[in-house]
């Protein structure tokens, strides 16, 4: 992986060492899956479901994003989406809006970084 891509990924909060182990050091395979992340509909669906009060569906979206981000080593997003997932699982809506804003900020940053790879 070239240095520019490594820098972008590190800035995005990717744990490159552990993630590359998970992908058997196959950088091409990792980048292939990472570049598909922005196409996944779960973030937009989660936002819609939260806005519409469909918290069970939003939980499913968040849980899927948690798994995707964990597998791709997107640690900063993983931490944030994990909090949101647990809030939705427990129907703890007190800080849901704040958690959603945090997740969206990191998500947008990730999408921007991934688009530059």
C-alpha atoms as a PDB file:
ATOM      1  CA  UNK A   1       0.000   0.000   0.000  1.00  0.00           C
ATOM      2  CA  UNK A   2       1.414   3.367  -0.889  1.00  0.00           C
ATOM      3  CA  UNK A   3       2.234   5.887   1.815  1.00  0.00           C
ATOM      4  CA  UNK A   4      -0.508   8.312   0.795  1.00  0.00           C
ATOM      5  CA  UNK A   5      -3.192   5.629   1.194  1.00  0.00           C
ATOM      6  CA  UNK A   6      -1.723   4.536   4.525  1.00  0.00           C
ATOM      7  CA  UNK A   7      -1.819   8.126   5.741  1.00  0.00           C
ATOM      8  CA  UNK A   8      -5.450   8.553   4.648  1.00  0.00           C
ATOM      9  CA  UNK A   9      -6.465   5.341   6.381  1.00  0.00           C
ATOM     10  CA  UNK A  10      -4.641   6.208   9.590  1.00  0.00           C
ATOM     11  CA  UNK A  11      -6.272   9.662   9.570  1.00  0.00           C
ATOM     12  CA  UNK A  12      -9.620   7.905   9.199  1.00  0.00           C
ATOM     13  CA  UNK A  13      -8.952   5.900  12.355  1.00  0.00           C
ATOM     14  CA  UNK A  14      -8.194   2.576  10.678  1.00  0.00           C
ATOM     15  CA  UNK A  15      -6.207   0.025  12.678  1.00  0.00           C
ATOM     16  CA  UNK A  16      -4.101  -1.035   9.708  1.00  0.00           C
ATOM     17  CA  UNK A  17      -1.951  -3.656  11.431  1.00  0.00           C
ATOM     18  CA  UNK A  18      -4.829  -5.716  12.836  1.00  0.00           C
ATOM     19  CA  UNK A  19      -6.965  -5.194   9.763  1.00  0.00           C
ATOM     20  CA  UNK A  20      -4.270  -6.331   7.364  1.00  0.00           C
ATOM     21  CA  UNK A  21      -3.835  -9.468   9.492  1.00  0.00           C
ATOM     22  CA  UNK A  22      -7.584 -10.078   9.167  1.00  0.00           C
ATOM     23  CA  UNK A  23      -7.250  -9.725   5.386  1.00  0.00           C
ATOM     24  CA  UNK A  24      -4.153 -11.972   5.331  1.00  0.00           C
ATOM     25  CA  UNK A  25      -2.051  -8.965   4.262  1.00  0.00           C
ATOM     26  CA  UNK A  26      -3.941  -8.847   0.963  1.00  0.00           C
ATOM     27  CA  UNK A  27      -4.085  -5.080   0.433  1.00  0.00           C
ATOM     28  CA  UNK A  28      -5.990  -5.398  -2.836  1.00  0.00           C
ATOM     29  CA  UNK A  29      -8.730  -7.426  -1.199  1.00  0.00           C
ATOM     30  CA  UNK A  30      -8.962  -5.001   1.713  1.00  0.00           C
ATOM     31  CA  UNK A  31      -9.195  -1.964  -0.556  1.00  0.00           C
ATOM     32  CA  UNK A  32     -11.827  -3.731  -2.672  1.00  0.00           C
ATOM     33  CA  UNK A  33     -14.060  -4.232   0.374  1.00  0.00           C
ATOM     34  CA  UNK A  34     -13.266  -0.827   1.861  1.00  0.00           C
ATOM     35  CA  UNK A  35     -14.250   0.953  -1.350  1.00  0.00           C
ATOM     36  CA  UNK A  36     -17.627  -0.808  -1.207  1.00  0.00           C
ATOM     37  CA  UNK A  37     -18.346   0.622   2.250  1.00  0.00           C
ATOM     38  CA  UNK A  38     -19.787   3.931   0.930  1.00  0.00           C
ATOM     39  CA  UNK A  39     -22.246   1.961  -1.224  1.00  0.00           C
ATOM     40  CA  UNK A  40     -23.751   0.173   1.767  1.00  0.00           C
ATOM     41  CA  UNK A  41     -27.281   1.545   2.352  1.00  0.00           C
ATOM     42  CA  UNK A  42     -27.411   0.932   6.109  1.00  0.00           C
ATOM     43  CA  UNK A  43     -26.293   4.373   7.271  1.00  0.00           C
ATOM     44  CA  UNK A  44     -28.916   6.230   5.225  1.00  0.00           C
ATOM     45  CA  UNK A  45     -31.547   3.678   6.230  1.00  0.00           C
ATOM     46  CA  UNK A  46     -30.589   4.024   9.896  1.00  0.00           C
ATOM     47  CA  UNK A  47     -31.007   7.811   9.707  1.00  0.00           C
ATOM     48  CA  UNK A  48     -34.415   7.423   8.072  1.00  0.00           C
ATOM     49  CA  UNK A  49     -35.500   4.809  10.591  1.00  0.00           C
ATOM     50  CA  UNK A  50     -34.431   6.934  13.555  1.00  0.00           C
ATOM     51  CA  UNK A  51     -36.179  10.002  12.108  1.00  0.00           C
ATOM     52  CA  UNK A  52     -39.323   7.917  11.621  1.00  0.00           C
ATOM     53  CA  UNK A  53     -39.215   6.382  15.092  1.00  0.00           C
ATOM     54  CA  UNK A  54     -38.510   2.912  13.676  1.00  0.00           C
ATOM     55  CA  UNK A  55     -35.968   2.041  16.364  1.00  0.00           C
ATOM     56  CA  UNK A  56     -36.013  -1.739  15.850  1.00  0.00           C
ATOM     57  CA  UNK A  57     -35.092  -1.295  12.192  1.00  0.00           C
ATOM     58  CA  UNK A  58     -32.533   1.374  13.081  1.00  0.00           C
ATOM     59  CA  UNK A  59     -30.975  -1.084  15.532  1.00  0.00           C
ATOM     60  CA  UNK A  60     -30.603  -3.660  12.736  1.00  0.00           C
ATOM     61  CA  UNK A  61     -28.932  -1.054  10.522  1.00  0.00           C
ATOM     62  CA  UNK A  62     -26.602   0.056  13.316  1.00  0.00           C
ATOM     63  CA  UNK A  63     -25.709  -3.526  14.192  1.00  0.00           C
ATOM     64  CA  UNK A  64     -24.833  -4.241  10.554  1.00  0.00           C
ATOM     65  CA  UNK A  65     -22.667  -1.108  10.419  1.00  0.00           C
ATOM     66  CA  UNK A  66     -20.959  -2.163  13.633  1.00  0.00           C
ATOM     67  CA  UNK A  67     -20.006  -5.494  12.054  1.00  0.00           C
ATOM     68  CA  UNK A  68     -18.873  -3.920   8.795  1.00  0.00           C
ATOM     69  CA  UNK A  69     -16.780  -1.267  10.499  1.00  0.00           C
ATOM     70  CA  UNK A  70     -15.233  -3.815  12.848  1.00  0.00           C
ATOM     71  CA  UNK A  71     -14.249  -6.111   9.998  1.00  0.00           C
ATOM     72  CA  UNK A  72     -12.817  -3.212   7.992  1.00  0.00           C
ATOM     73  CA  UNK A  73     -10.860  -1.859  10.960  1.00  0.00           C
ATOM     74  CA  UNK A  74     -12.699   1.470  10.973  1.00  0.00           C
ATOM     75  CA  UNK A  75     -12.035   1.864  14.684  1.00  0.00           C
ATOM     76  CA  UNK A  76     -13.229   5.447  15.205  1.00  0.00           C
ATOM     77  CA  UNK A  77     -16.532   4.714  13.485  1.00  0.00           C
ATOM     78  CA  UNK A  78     -16.788   1.310  15.168  1.00  0.00           C
ATOM     79  CA  UNK A  79     -16.557   2.902  18.619  1.00  0.00           C
ATOM     80  CA  UNK A  80     -19.210   5.487  17.803  1.00  0.00           C
ATOM     81  CA  UNK A  81     -21.604   3.108  16.061  1.00  0.00           C
ATOM     82  CA  UNK A  82     -21.216   0.648  18.956  1.00  0.00           C
ATOM     83  CA  UNK A  83     -22.563   3.266  21.360  1.00  0.00           C
ATOM     84  CA  UNK A  84     -25.450   3.997  19.013  1.00  0.00           C
ATOM     85  CA  UNK A  85     -26.165   0.283  18.579  1.00  0.00           C
ATOM     86  CA  UNK A  86     -26.418  -0.228  22.334  1.00  0.00           C
ATOM     87  CA  UNK A  87     -28.639   2.818  22.768  1.00  0.00           C
ATOM     88  CA  UNK A  88     -30.998   1.449  20.137  1.00  0.00           C
ATOM     89  CA  UNK A  89     -30.835  -2.089  21.549  1.00  0.00           C
ATOM     90  CA  UNK A  90     -31.806  -0.799  24.997  1.00  0.00           C
ATOM     91  CA  UNK A  91     -34.240   1.805  23.642  1.00  0.00           C
ATOM     92  CA  UNK A  92     -32.238   4.458  25.487  1.00  0.00           C
ATOM     93  CA  UNK A  93     -33.217   7.481  23.443  1.00  0.00           C
ATOM     94  CA  UNK A  94     -31.943  10.205  25.802  1.00  0.00           C
ATOM     95  CA  UNK A  95     -28.698  10.881  23.929  1.00  0.00           C
ATOM     96  CA  UNK A  96     -29.591   9.252  20.624  1.00  0.00           C
ATOM     97  CA  UNK A  97     -29.554  12.501  18.655  1.00  0.00           C
ATOM     98  CA  UNK A  98     -26.089  13.391  19.955  1.00  0.00           C
ATOM     99  CA  UNK A  99     -24.779   9.894  19.211  1.00  0.00           C
ATOM    100  CA  UNK A 100     -26.247  10.061  15.725  1.00  0.00           C
ATOM    101  CA  UNK A 101     -24.504  13.391  15.067  1.00  0.00           C
ATOM    102  CA  UNK A 102     -21.192  11.935  16.268  1.00  0.00           C
ATOM    103  CA  UNK A 103     -21.621   8.872  14.053  1.00  0.00           C
ATOM    104  CA  UNK A 104     -22.582  10.995  11.058  1.00  0.00           C
ATOM    105  CA  UNK A 105     -19.544  13.259  11.464  1.00  0.00           C
ATOM    106  CA  UNK A 106     -17.188  10.279  11.484  1.00  0.00           C
ATOM    107  CA  UNK A 107     -19.101   8.552   8.684  1.00  0.00           C
ATOM    108  CA  UNK A 108     -18.821  11.605   6.423  1.00  0.00           C
ATOM    109  CA  UNK A 109     -15.108  11.883   7.149  1.00  0.00           C
ATOM    110  CA  UNK A 110     -14.656   8.191   6.322  1.00  0.00           C
ATOM    111  CA  UNK A 111     -16.537   8.484   3.050  1.00  0.00           C
ATOM    112  CA  UNK A 112     -14.411  11.476   2.094  1.00  0.00           C
ATOM    113  CA  UNK A 113     -11.169   9.637   2.905  1.00  0.00           C
ATOM    114  CA  UNK A 114     -12.253   6.438   1.136  1.00  0.00           C
ATOM    115  CA  UNK A 115     -13.159   8.414  -1.985  1.00  0.00           C
ATOM    116  CA  UNK A 116      -9.539   9.609  -2.173  1.00  0.00           C
ATOM    117  CA  UNK A 117      -8.047   6.107  -2.210  1.00  0.00           C
END
